[in-house]
């Protein structure tokens, strides 16, 4: 259960927030928990959703590549919610690509542009101080400068999402298809170091 109760479509006094939450329920991830938690502060939800829309709805990078990167950052940051949810618009396009993106990136089974994007996500979610020399030169073989900047920026947003969801212990919404009662790593440690309210 999340640390804060997520609001659902129709529960906000702000109609724009209700519409954004309905979009999360009926599209996006078909789950409202992350957006519903952010929506407790309407201005924040109204700011972040257009950022996601810019990537997934009309950026330079195909949406399925961004979703592969989002899943990789979820794996790297060990975000239970991010590893479980799937972007509905790209679910089918990446179904057969999940195995080669999780664990060690499989350059034999993924097209080069996808493998490099996922590798970039792994580097950024790990420690970008140690991105190997020459990696961006390799990326320039398949991506333009603008596309690389967009990939890096998108990955920064995905890492933010991971950290937000982990910190808030986001669980799936009651009406979504995802498993309920998501457990995040470190539950035993958190319980043993609990601070009295």
N, C-alpha and C. Protein backbone atom coordinates (compact mmCIF):
# COMPACT_ATOMS: atom_id res chain seq x y z
N UNK A 1 0.84 -1.18 0.00
CA UNK A 1 0.00 0.00 0.00
C UNK A 1 0.88 1.25 0.00
N UNK A 2 0.52 2.22 -0.83
CA UNK A 2 1.31 3.43 -0.93
C UNK A 2 1.33 4.24 0.35
N UNK A 3 2.31 5.11 0.45
CA UNK A 3 2.45 5.95 1.65
C UNK A 3 1.41 7.06 1.69
N UNK A 4 0.87 7.41 0.52
CA UNK A 4 -0.19 8.40 0.43
C UNK A 4 -1.30 7.82 -0.43
N UNK A 5 -2.52 8.11 -0.10
CA UNK A 5 -3.66 7.58 -0.85
C UNK A 5 -3.77 8.30 -2.19
N UNK A 6 -3.72 7.54 -3.25
CA UNK A 6 -3.87 8.11 -4.59
C UNK A 6 -5.33 8.47 -4.84
N UNK A 7 -5.55 9.63 -5.46
CA UNK A 7 -6.92 9.98 -5.82
C UNK A 7 -7.26 9.29 -7.14
N UNK A 8 -8.54 9.10 -7.37
CA UNK A 8 -9.02 8.42 -8.56
C UNK A 8 -9.78 9.40 -9.44
N UNK A 9 -10.01 9.05 -10.70
CA UNK A 9 -10.79 9.94 -11.57
C UNK A 9 -12.13 10.28 -10.92
N UNK A 10 -12.46 11.56 -10.92
CA UNK A 10 -13.70 12.03 -10.32
C UNK A 10 -13.57 12.47 -8.88
N UNK A 11 -12.44 12.20 -8.24
CA UNK A 11 -12.27 12.57 -6.83
C UNK A 11 -11.61 13.93 -6.63
N UNK A 12 -11.09 14.51 -7.69
CA UNK A 12 -10.45 15.81 -7.55
C UNK A 12 -11.45 16.93 -7.77
N UNK A 13 -11.24 18.04 -7.11
CA UNK A 13 -12.06 19.23 -7.34
C UNK A 13 -11.67 19.90 -8.65
N UNK A 14 -10.56 19.46 -9.24
CA UNK A 14 -10.04 20.04 -10.47
C UNK A 14 -10.41 19.11 -11.64
N UNK A 15 -11.23 19.58 -12.55
CA UNK A 15 -11.68 18.76 -13.68
C UNK A 15 -10.52 18.31 -14.58
N UNK A 16 -9.51 19.18 -14.72
CA UNK A 16 -8.35 18.79 -15.54
C UNK A 16 -7.64 17.59 -14.94
N UNK A 17 -7.51 17.57 -13.63
CA UNK A 17 -6.88 16.44 -12.95
C UNK A 17 -7.71 15.18 -13.16
N UNK A 18 -9.03 15.28 -13.05
CA UNK A 18 -9.90 14.12 -13.28
C UNK A 18 -9.74 13.58 -14.69
N UNK A 19 -9.60 14.47 -15.67
CA UNK A 19 -9.40 14.03 -17.06
C UNK A 19 -8.05 13.34 -17.23
N UNK A 20 -7.02 13.88 -16.60
CA UNK A 20 -5.70 13.25 -16.69
C UNK A 20 -5.70 11.88 -16.03
N UNK A 21 -6.40 11.76 -14.91
CA UNK A 21 -6.48 10.47 -14.23
C UNK A 21 -7.29 9.47 -15.05
N UNK A 22 -8.34 9.94 -15.71
CA UNK A 22 -9.11 9.05 -16.58
C UNK A 22 -8.24 8.58 -17.74
N UNK A 23 -7.37 9.46 -18.23
CA UNK A 23 -6.44 9.06 -19.29
C UNK A 23 -5.46 8.00 -18.82
N UNK A 24 -5.04 8.10 -17.57
CA UNK A 24 -4.14 7.08 -17.01
C UNK A 24 -4.86 5.75 -16.86
N UNK A 25 -6.13 5.81 -16.47
CA UNK A 25 -6.92 4.58 -16.27
C UNK A 25 -7.27 3.91 -17.59
N UNK A 26 -7.61 4.71 -18.60
CA UNK A 26 -8.10 4.16 -19.87
C UNK A 26 -7.01 4.01 -20.92
N UNK A 27 -5.88 4.66 -20.74
CA UNK A 27 -4.77 4.60 -21.68
C UNK A 27 -3.49 4.36 -20.92
N UNK A 28 -2.49 5.16 -21.18
CA UNK A 28 -1.21 5.09 -20.50
C UNK A 28 -0.92 3.69 -19.97
N UNK A 29 -0.98 3.52 -18.63
CA UNK A 29 -0.64 2.23 -18.02
C UNK A 29 -1.88 1.47 -17.56
N UNK A 30 -3.05 2.04 -17.81
CA UNK A 30 -4.31 1.50 -17.31
C UNK A 30 -4.23 1.27 -15.80
N UNK A 31 -3.64 2.25 -15.14
CA UNK A 31 -3.51 2.27 -13.70
C UNK A 31 -3.35 3.73 -13.29
N UNK A 32 -4.01 4.12 -12.23
CA UNK A 32 -4.00 5.54 -11.84
C UNK A 32 -3.14 5.86 -10.63
N UNK A 33 -2.44 4.88 -10.09
CA UNK A 33 -1.76 5.09 -8.80
C UNK A 33 -0.69 6.17 -8.82
N UNK A 34 0.22 6.11 -9.79
CA UNK A 34 1.29 7.11 -9.82
C UNK A 34 0.70 8.50 -10.06
N UNK A 35 -0.10 8.63 -11.13
CA UNK A 35 -0.70 9.93 -11.44
C UNK A 35 -1.65 10.36 -10.33
N UNK A 36 -2.33 9.41 -9.70
CA UNK A 36 -3.26 9.74 -8.63
C UNK A 36 -2.56 10.27 -7.39
N UNK A 37 -1.34 9.81 -7.15
CA UNK A 37 -0.56 10.34 -6.03
C UNK A 37 -0.05 11.73 -6.37
N UNK A 38 0.50 11.88 -7.57
CA UNK A 38 0.97 13.20 -8.00
C UNK A 38 -0.21 14.18 -8.04
N UNK A 39 -1.39 13.69 -8.44
CA UNK A 39 -2.57 14.53 -8.58
C UNK A 39 -3.08 15.13 -7.29
N UNK A 40 -2.55 14.69 -6.16
CA UNK A 40 -2.90 15.32 -4.88
C UNK A 40 -2.38 16.77 -4.88
N UNK A 41 -1.42 17.04 -5.76
CA UNK A 41 -0.95 18.42 -5.99
C UNK A 41 -1.21 18.69 -7.47
N UNK A 42 -2.39 19.21 -7.81
CA UNK A 42 -2.81 19.33 -9.21
C UNK A 42 -1.79 19.99 -10.14
N UNK A 43 -1.12 21.03 -9.68
CA UNK A 43 -0.17 21.71 -10.56
C UNK A 43 0.98 20.79 -10.97
N UNK A 44 1.39 19.89 -10.08
CA UNK A 44 2.46 18.95 -10.43
C UNK A 44 2.00 17.97 -11.50
N UNK A 45 0.80 17.43 -11.36
CA UNK A 45 0.30 16.48 -12.36
C UNK A 45 0.14 17.16 -13.71
N UNK A 46 -0.36 18.38 -13.70
CA UNK A 46 -0.56 19.11 -14.95
C UNK A 46 0.77 19.48 -15.60
N UNK A 47 1.83 19.49 -14.84
CA UNK A 47 3.16 19.79 -15.38
C UNK A 47 3.82 18.53 -15.94
N UNK A 48 3.71 17.39 -15.25
CA UNK A 48 4.45 16.21 -15.66
C UNK A 48 3.78 15.45 -16.80
N UNK A 49 2.46 15.43 -16.86
CA UNK A 49 1.79 14.66 -17.92
C UNK A 49 2.18 15.16 -19.31
N UNK A 50 2.23 16.48 -19.56
CA UNK A 50 2.67 16.92 -20.89
C UNK A 50 4.10 16.48 -21.24
N UNK A 51 4.95 16.30 -20.23
CA UNK A 51 6.30 15.81 -20.50
C UNK A 51 6.22 14.37 -21.03
N UNK A 52 5.44 13.52 -20.37
CA UNK A 52 5.26 12.15 -20.85
C UNK A 52 4.63 12.15 -22.25
N UNK A 53 3.64 13.02 -22.46
CA UNK A 53 2.98 13.09 -23.76
C UNK A 53 3.95 13.51 -24.86
N UNK A 54 4.87 14.40 -24.53
CA UNK A 54 5.84 14.86 -25.53
C UNK A 54 6.72 13.71 -26.00
N UNK A 55 7.08 12.81 -25.09
CA UNK A 55 7.90 11.67 -25.48
C UNK A 55 7.09 10.62 -26.21
N UNK A 56 6.04 10.15 -25.55
CA UNK A 56 5.30 9.01 -26.07
C UNK A 56 4.34 9.38 -27.20
N UNK A 57 4.07 10.64 -27.39
CA UNK A 57 3.07 11.01 -28.37
C UNK A 57 3.56 11.86 -29.52
N UNK A 58 4.83 11.98 -29.71
CA UNK A 58 5.24 12.80 -30.85
C UNK A 58 6.67 13.24 -30.83
N UNK A 59 7.48 12.59 -30.05
CA UNK A 59 8.89 12.93 -30.05
C UNK A 59 9.61 12.31 -31.24
N UNK A 60 10.91 12.42 -31.23
CA UNK A 60 11.73 11.87 -32.32
C UNK A 60 11.93 10.37 -32.18
N UNK A 61 11.76 9.85 -30.98
CA UNK A 61 12.06 8.45 -30.69
C UNK A 61 10.77 7.64 -30.72
N UNK A 62 10.77 6.47 -31.38
CA UNK A 62 9.56 5.63 -31.37
C UNK A 62 9.15 5.29 -29.93
N UNK A 63 7.86 5.37 -29.63
CA UNK A 63 7.39 5.13 -28.26
C UNK A 63 7.82 3.79 -27.69
N UNK A 64 7.89 2.75 -28.50
CA UNK A 64 8.27 1.45 -27.94
C UNK A 64 9.71 1.44 -27.44
N UNK A 65 10.58 2.23 -28.06
CA UNK A 65 11.97 2.32 -27.61
C UNK A 65 12.01 3.02 -26.25
N UNK A 66 11.22 4.07 -26.09
CA UNK A 66 11.15 4.75 -24.80
C UNK A 66 10.60 3.83 -23.72
N UNK A 67 9.61 3.02 -24.07
CA UNK A 67 9.06 2.10 -23.08
C UNK A 67 10.10 1.05 -22.68
N UNK A 68 10.92 0.61 -23.62
CA UNK A 68 11.98 -0.33 -23.29
C UNK A 68 12.98 0.32 -22.32
N UNK A 69 13.28 1.58 -22.56
CA UNK A 69 14.18 2.31 -21.66
C UNK A 69 13.55 2.47 -20.29
N UNK A 70 12.25 2.78 -20.26
CA UNK A 70 11.55 2.95 -18.98
C UNK A 70 11.60 1.66 -18.17
N UNK A 71 11.38 0.54 -18.85
CA UNK A 71 11.44 -0.76 -18.15
C UNK A 71 12.84 -1.05 -17.64
N UNK A 72 13.86 -0.67 -18.43
CA UNK A 72 15.24 -0.92 -18.00
C UNK A 72 15.58 -0.08 -16.77
N UNK A 73 15.15 1.17 -16.75
CA UNK A 73 15.43 1.98 -15.56
C UNK A 73 14.69 1.41 -14.36
N UNK A 74 13.48 0.90 -14.58
CA UNK A 74 12.74 0.27 -13.49
C UNK A 74 13.48 -0.92 -12.92
N UNK A 75 14.07 -1.71 -13.83
CA UNK A 75 14.87 -2.86 -13.37
C UNK A 75 16.11 -2.39 -12.61
N UNK A 76 16.82 -1.42 -13.17
CA UNK A 76 18.06 -0.95 -12.56
C UNK A 76 17.83 -0.33 -11.19
N UNK A 77 16.74 0.43 -11.06
CA UNK A 77 16.44 1.09 -9.78
C UNK A 77 15.62 0.19 -8.86
N UNK A 78 15.25 -0.99 -9.34
CA UNK A 78 14.47 -1.96 -8.57
C UNK A 78 13.15 -1.36 -8.11
N UNK A 79 12.45 -0.71 -9.05
CA UNK A 79 11.14 -0.12 -8.78
C UNK A 79 10.07 -1.15 -9.07
N UNK A 80 9.45 -1.66 -8.04
CA UNK A 80 8.44 -2.72 -8.19
C UNK A 80 7.31 -2.28 -9.12
N UNK A 81 6.81 -1.08 -8.93
CA UNK A 81 5.71 -0.58 -9.76
C UNK A 81 6.14 -0.44 -11.22
N UNK A 82 7.30 0.15 -11.44
CA UNK A 82 7.77 0.39 -12.81
C UNK A 82 8.09 -0.90 -13.56
N UNK A 83 8.50 -1.92 -12.85
CA UNK A 83 8.77 -3.20 -13.49
C UNK A 83 7.48 -3.93 -13.83
N UNK A 84 6.39 -3.61 -13.12
CA UNK A 84 5.13 -4.33 -13.31
C UNK A 84 4.25 -3.71 -14.39
N UNK A 85 4.15 -2.38 -14.40
CA UNK A 85 3.21 -1.73 -15.32
C UNK A 85 3.79 -1.65 -16.73
N UNK A 86 2.89 -1.64 -17.71
CA UNK A 86 3.28 -1.56 -19.11
C UNK A 86 2.48 -0.47 -19.79
N UNK A 87 3.13 0.28 -20.66
CA UNK A 87 2.46 1.30 -21.45
C UNK A 87 1.55 0.58 -22.45
N UNK A 88 0.26 0.87 -22.41
CA UNK A 88 -0.70 0.17 -23.25
C UNK A 88 -0.42 0.35 -24.73
N UNK A 89 0.01 1.53 -25.13
CA UNK A 89 0.23 1.81 -26.55
C UNK A 89 1.38 0.99 -27.15
N UNK A 90 2.28 0.51 -26.30
CA UNK A 90 3.46 -0.22 -26.81
C UNK A 90 3.53 -1.66 -26.31
N UNK A 91 2.53 -2.08 -25.56
CA UNK A 91 2.55 -3.42 -24.94
C UNK A 91 2.88 -4.51 -25.95
N UNK A 92 2.16 -4.55 -27.06
CA UNK A 92 2.38 -5.60 -28.06
C UNK A 92 3.73 -5.45 -28.76
N UNK A 93 4.13 -4.21 -29.03
CA UNK A 93 5.37 -3.98 -29.76
C UNK A 93 6.61 -4.46 -29.01
N UNK A 94 6.54 -4.49 -27.68
CA UNK A 94 7.72 -4.89 -26.92
C UNK A 94 7.60 -6.26 -26.26
N UNK A 95 6.46 -6.90 -26.42
CA UNK A 95 6.23 -8.18 -25.71
C UNK A 95 7.36 -9.18 -25.94
N UNK A 96 7.84 -9.29 -27.17
CA UNK A 96 8.92 -10.24 -27.48
C UNK A 96 10.31 -9.68 -27.22
N UNK A 97 10.38 -8.43 -26.79
CA UNK A 97 11.68 -7.79 -26.60
C UNK A 97 12.06 -7.65 -25.13
N UNK A 98 11.16 -8.07 -24.25
CA UNK A 98 11.44 -7.89 -22.82
C UNK A 98 12.60 -8.76 -22.35
N UNK A 99 12.63 -10.01 -22.76
CA UNK A 99 13.71 -10.90 -22.31
C UNK A 99 15.09 -10.35 -22.69
N UNK A 100 15.29 -9.87 -23.93
CA UNK A 100 16.62 -9.35 -24.26
C UNK A 100 16.97 -7.99 -23.65
N UNK A 101 15.99 -7.30 -23.06
CA UNK A 101 16.33 -6.01 -22.45
C UNK A 101 16.59 -6.14 -20.96
N UNK A 102 16.00 -7.14 -20.32
CA UNK A 102 16.25 -7.34 -18.89
C UNK A 102 17.55 -8.10 -18.69
N UNK A 103 18.21 -7.86 -17.57
CA UNK A 103 19.52 -8.48 -17.34
C UNK A 103 20.54 -7.81 -18.25
N UNK A 104 21.48 -8.57 -18.76
CA UNK A 104 22.46 -8.01 -19.69
C UNK A 104 21.79 -7.74 -21.03
N UNK A 105 21.95 -6.53 -21.54
CA UNK A 105 21.31 -6.15 -22.79
C UNK A 105 21.83 -7.06 -23.90
N UNK A 106 20.92 -7.70 -24.61
CA UNK A 106 21.27 -8.68 -25.65
C UNK A 106 21.32 -8.00 -27.02
N UNK A 107 22.52 -7.60 -27.42
CA UNK A 107 22.71 -6.92 -28.70
C UNK A 107 22.48 -7.85 -29.88
N UNK A 108 22.46 -9.15 -29.66
CA UNK A 108 22.22 -10.11 -30.74
C UNK A 108 20.73 -10.21 -31.06
N UNK A 109 19.88 -10.00 -30.06
CA UNK A 109 18.45 -10.20 -30.25
C UNK A 109 17.66 -8.91 -30.43
N UNK A 110 18.29 -7.78 -30.21
CA UNK A 110 17.62 -6.49 -30.40
C UNK A 110 18.26 -5.74 -31.55
N UNK A 111 17.46 -4.98 -32.31
CA UNK A 111 18.06 -4.10 -33.31
C UNK A 111 19.03 -3.14 -32.63
N UNK A 112 20.06 -2.72 -33.33
CA UNK A 112 21.12 -1.91 -32.72
C UNK A 112 20.57 -0.63 -32.08
N UNK A 113 19.66 0.05 -32.75
CA UNK A 113 19.14 1.30 -32.17
C UNK A 113 18.43 1.05 -30.84
N UNK A 114 17.69 -0.06 -30.73
CA UNK A 114 17.00 -0.38 -29.49
C UNK A 114 17.98 -0.82 -28.41
N UNK A 115 18.93 -1.65 -28.78
CA UNK A 115 19.92 -2.13 -27.80
C UNK A 115 20.73 -0.97 -27.24
N UNK A 116 21.12 -0.03 -28.09
CA UNK A 116 21.90 1.12 -27.60
C UNK A 116 21.06 2.00 -26.67
N UNK A 117 19.79 2.19 -26.99
CA UNK A 117 18.92 3.00 -26.13
C UNK A 117 18.76 2.33 -24.76
N UNK A 118 18.58 1.02 -24.75
CA UNK A 118 18.43 0.30 -23.48
C UNK A 118 19.75 0.33 -22.71
N UNK A 119 20.87 0.20 -23.42
CA UNK A 119 22.18 0.27 -22.76
C UNK A 119 22.38 1.65 -22.14
N UNK A 120 21.96 2.69 -22.86
CA UNK A 120 22.04 4.05 -22.32
C UNK A 120 21.22 4.16 -21.04
N UNK A 121 20.01 3.60 -21.05
CA UNK A 121 19.16 3.61 -19.85
C UNK A 121 19.86 2.91 -18.69
N UNK A 122 20.53 1.81 -18.98
CA UNK A 122 21.25 1.08 -17.94
C UNK A 122 22.38 1.94 -17.37
N UNK A 123 23.13 2.57 -18.25
CA UNK A 123 24.23 3.43 -17.78
C UNK A 123 23.72 4.59 -16.93
N UNK A 124 22.65 5.25 -17.39
CA UNK A 124 22.15 6.41 -16.67
C UNK A 124 21.56 6.01 -15.33
N UNK A 125 20.82 4.90 -15.30
CA UNK A 125 20.22 4.44 -14.04
C UNK A 125 21.27 3.90 -13.08
N UNK A 126 22.38 3.44 -13.61
CA UNK A 126 23.48 2.96 -12.77
C UNK A 126 24.24 4.15 -12.23
N UNK A 127 25.29 4.55 -12.91
CA UNK A 127 26.04 5.74 -12.55
C UNK A 127 26.60 6.35 -13.83
N UNK A 128 25.97 7.44 -14.31
CA UNK A 128 26.40 8.02 -15.58
C UNK A 128 27.82 8.58 -15.57
N UNK A 129 28.43 8.68 -14.39
CA UNK A 129 29.84 9.08 -14.36
C UNK A 129 30.73 8.08 -15.10
N UNK A 130 30.24 6.86 -15.24
CA UNK A 130 31.07 5.80 -15.79
C UNK A 130 30.60 5.31 -17.15
N UNK A 131 29.88 6.16 -17.89
CA UNK A 131 29.55 5.79 -19.27
C UNK A 131 30.86 5.70 -20.04
N UNK A 132 31.12 4.56 -20.67
CA UNK A 132 32.43 4.36 -21.31
C UNK A 132 32.72 5.38 -22.41
N UNK A 133 33.99 5.76 -22.51
CA UNK A 133 34.42 6.59 -23.62
C UNK A 133 34.06 5.87 -24.92
N UNK A 134 33.58 6.61 -25.87
CA UNK A 134 33.24 6.02 -27.17
C UNK A 134 31.79 5.60 -27.29
N UNK A 135 31.07 5.51 -26.17
CA UNK A 135 29.67 5.06 -26.25
C UNK A 135 28.82 6.03 -27.07
N UNK A 136 28.99 7.32 -26.85
CA UNK A 136 28.17 8.28 -27.59
C UNK A 136 28.56 8.32 -29.07
N UNK A 137 29.81 8.03 -29.37
CA UNK A 137 30.20 7.93 -30.78
C UNK A 137 29.46 6.76 -31.43
N UNK A 138 29.33 5.67 -30.68
CA UNK A 138 28.58 4.52 -31.21
C UNK A 138 27.11 4.89 -31.39
N UNK A 139 26.56 5.63 -30.45
CA UNK A 139 25.16 6.06 -30.58
C UNK A 139 24.97 6.97 -31.79
N UNK A 140 25.97 7.82 -32.06
CA UNK A 140 25.86 8.73 -33.21
C UNK A 140 25.79 7.97 -34.54
N UNK A 141 26.15 6.71 -34.53
CA UNK A 141 26.03 5.90 -35.74
C UNK A 141 24.59 5.58 -36.10
N UNK A 142 23.68 5.68 -35.12
CA UNK A 142 22.27 5.35 -35.39
C UNK A 142 21.30 6.45 -34.97
N UNK A 143 21.75 7.40 -34.17
CA UNK A 143 20.88 8.48 -33.70
C UNK A 143 21.49 9.84 -34.03
N UNK A 144 20.61 10.81 -34.28
CA UNK A 144 21.06 12.18 -34.47
C UNK A 144 21.38 12.78 -33.10
N UNK A 145 22.04 13.93 -33.10
CA UNK A 145 22.36 14.61 -31.85
C UNK A 145 21.08 14.94 -31.08
N UNK A 146 20.07 15.42 -31.79
CA UNK A 146 18.80 15.76 -31.15
C UNK A 146 18.15 14.54 -30.52
N UNK A 147 18.22 13.41 -31.22
CA UNK A 147 17.63 12.18 -30.70
C UNK A 147 18.37 11.70 -29.44
N UNK A 148 19.69 11.82 -29.44
CA UNK A 148 20.46 11.40 -28.27
C UNK A 148 20.10 12.26 -27.07
N UNK A 149 19.99 13.57 -27.29
CA UNK A 149 19.61 14.46 -26.19
C UNK A 149 18.22 14.09 -25.67
N UNK A 150 17.30 13.78 -26.57
CA UNK A 150 15.95 13.38 -26.15
C UNK A 150 15.99 12.07 -25.37
N UNK A 151 16.81 11.12 -25.80
CA UNK A 151 16.94 9.85 -25.08
C UNK A 151 17.47 10.08 -23.66
N UNK A 152 18.48 10.91 -23.54
CA UNK A 152 19.05 11.19 -22.22
C UNK A 152 18.02 11.90 -21.34
N UNK A 153 17.33 12.87 -21.90
CA UNK A 153 16.33 13.61 -21.14
C UNK A 153 15.20 12.68 -20.69
N UNK A 154 14.70 11.85 -21.61
CA UNK A 154 13.63 10.90 -21.27
C UNK A 154 14.08 9.97 -20.17
N UNK A 155 15.30 9.50 -20.25
CA UNK A 155 15.81 8.57 -19.24
C UNK A 155 15.90 9.25 -17.88
N UNK A 156 16.24 10.52 -17.86
CA UNK A 156 16.24 11.27 -16.61
C UNK A 156 14.85 11.33 -15.99
N UNK A 157 13.84 11.50 -16.84
CA UNK A 157 12.46 11.53 -16.36
C UNK A 157 12.05 10.15 -15.84
N UNK A 158 12.47 9.09 -16.54
CA UNK A 158 12.12 7.73 -16.09
C UNK A 158 12.77 7.43 -14.74
N UNK A 159 14.01 7.87 -14.56
CA UNK A 159 14.68 7.67 -13.28
C UNK A 159 13.97 8.45 -12.18
N UNK A 160 13.53 9.66 -12.50
CA UNK A 160 12.74 10.43 -11.53
C UNK A 160 11.50 9.63 -11.15
N UNK A 161 10.78 9.07 -12.15
CA UNK A 161 9.58 8.29 -11.88
C UNK A 161 9.87 7.10 -10.98
N UNK A 162 10.99 6.41 -11.25
CA UNK A 162 11.39 5.28 -10.40
C UNK A 162 11.55 5.74 -8.96
N UNK A 163 12.30 6.80 -8.76
CA UNK A 163 12.59 7.28 -7.40
C UNK A 163 11.31 7.75 -6.71
N UNK A 164 10.44 8.42 -7.46
CA UNK A 164 9.17 8.86 -6.89
C UNK A 164 8.35 7.65 -6.43
N UNK A 165 8.20 6.68 -7.31
CA UNK A 165 7.37 5.51 -7.01
C UNK A 165 7.94 4.69 -5.85
N UNK A 166 9.25 4.54 -5.82
CA UNK A 166 9.88 3.79 -4.73
C UNK A 166 9.67 4.53 -3.41
N UNK A 167 9.95 5.82 -3.41
CA UNK A 167 9.82 6.62 -2.19
C UNK A 167 8.39 6.60 -1.67
N UNK A 168 7.42 6.71 -2.58
CA UNK A 168 6.02 6.73 -2.19
C UNK A 168 5.44 5.32 -2.02
N UNK A 169 6.25 4.29 -2.37
CA UNK A 169 5.78 2.90 -2.27
C UNK A 169 4.46 2.72 -3.03
N UNK A 170 4.45 3.20 -4.27
CA UNK A 170 3.24 3.16 -5.09
C UNK A 170 2.80 1.72 -5.32
N UNK A 171 1.52 1.48 -5.10
CA UNK A 171 0.91 0.18 -5.36
C UNK A 171 -0.09 0.36 -6.50
N UNK A 172 -0.47 -0.72 -7.14
CA UNK A 172 -1.42 -0.61 -8.24
C UNK A 172 -2.79 -0.21 -7.72
N UNK A 173 -3.57 0.43 -8.59
CA UNK A 173 -4.91 0.86 -8.19
C UNK A 173 -5.85 -0.35 -8.13
N UNK A 174 -6.89 -0.20 -7.34
CA UNK A 174 -7.84 -1.30 -7.11
C UNK A 174 -8.47 -1.82 -8.40
N UNK A 175 -8.69 -0.92 -9.37
CA UNK A 175 -9.41 -1.31 -10.58
C UNK A 175 -8.49 -1.65 -11.75
N UNK A 176 -7.19 -1.79 -11.51
CA UNK A 176 -6.29 -2.14 -12.61
C UNK A 176 -6.04 -3.64 -12.64
N UNK A 177 -5.42 -4.10 -13.72
CA UNK A 177 -5.14 -5.53 -13.89
C UNK A 177 -3.90 -5.99 -13.13
N UNK A 178 -3.13 -5.05 -12.59
CA UNK A 178 -1.87 -5.40 -11.96
C UNK A 178 -2.07 -5.98 -10.57
N UNK A 179 -1.11 -6.77 -10.14
CA UNK A 179 -1.16 -7.38 -8.80
C UNK A 179 -1.23 -6.29 -7.74
N UNK A 180 -1.97 -6.56 -6.71
CA UNK A 180 -2.10 -5.62 -5.59
C UNK A 180 -1.13 -6.02 -4.48
N UNK A 181 -0.83 -5.07 -3.61
CA UNK A 181 0.07 -5.36 -2.50
C UNK A 181 1.52 -5.47 -2.95
N UNK A 182 1.93 -4.59 -3.86
CA UNK A 182 3.31 -4.62 -4.36
C UNK A 182 4.28 -4.43 -3.20
N UNK A 183 5.32 -5.24 -3.20
CA UNK A 183 6.33 -5.18 -2.14
C UNK A 183 7.63 -4.68 -2.76
N UNK A 184 8.20 -3.69 -2.12
CA UNK A 184 9.47 -3.12 -2.60
C UNK A 184 10.63 -3.71 -1.83
N UNK A 185 11.81 -3.78 -2.45
CA UNK A 185 12.99 -4.29 -1.75
C UNK A 185 13.24 -3.50 -0.46
N UNK A 186 13.79 -4.17 0.51
CA UNK A 186 14.15 -3.51 1.76
C UNK A 186 13.04 -3.45 2.79
N UNK A 187 11.94 -4.17 2.56
CA UNK A 187 10.81 -4.10 3.49
C UNK A 187 11.23 -4.48 4.91
N UNK A 188 12.05 -5.52 5.05
CA UNK A 188 12.50 -5.95 6.38
C UNK A 188 13.34 -4.88 7.06
N UNK A 189 14.23 -4.27 6.28
CA UNK A 189 15.09 -3.21 6.84
C UNK A 189 14.25 -2.01 7.26
N UNK A 190 13.30 -1.62 6.40
CA UNK A 190 12.44 -0.48 6.75
C UNK A 190 11.65 -0.76 8.03
N UNK A 191 11.17 -1.98 8.16
CA UNK A 191 10.39 -2.34 9.35
C UNK A 191 11.27 -2.32 10.60
N UNK A 192 12.51 -2.81 10.47
CA UNK A 192 13.38 -2.89 11.66
C UNK A 192 13.93 -1.53 12.07
N UNK A 193 13.90 -0.56 11.17
CA UNK A 193 14.41 0.78 11.50
C UNK A 193 13.28 1.80 11.59
N UNK A 194 12.05 1.31 11.73
CA UNK A 194 10.89 2.20 11.75
C UNK A 194 11.02 3.24 12.86
N UNK A 195 10.54 4.42 12.54
CA UNK A 195 10.57 5.53 13.49
C UNK A 195 9.15 5.73 14.01
N UNK A 196 9.00 5.83 15.30
CA UNK A 196 7.68 6.05 15.89
C UNK A 196 7.13 7.40 15.45
N UNK A 197 5.83 7.41 15.13
CA UNK A 197 5.19 8.66 14.69
C UNK A 197 4.98 9.59 15.85
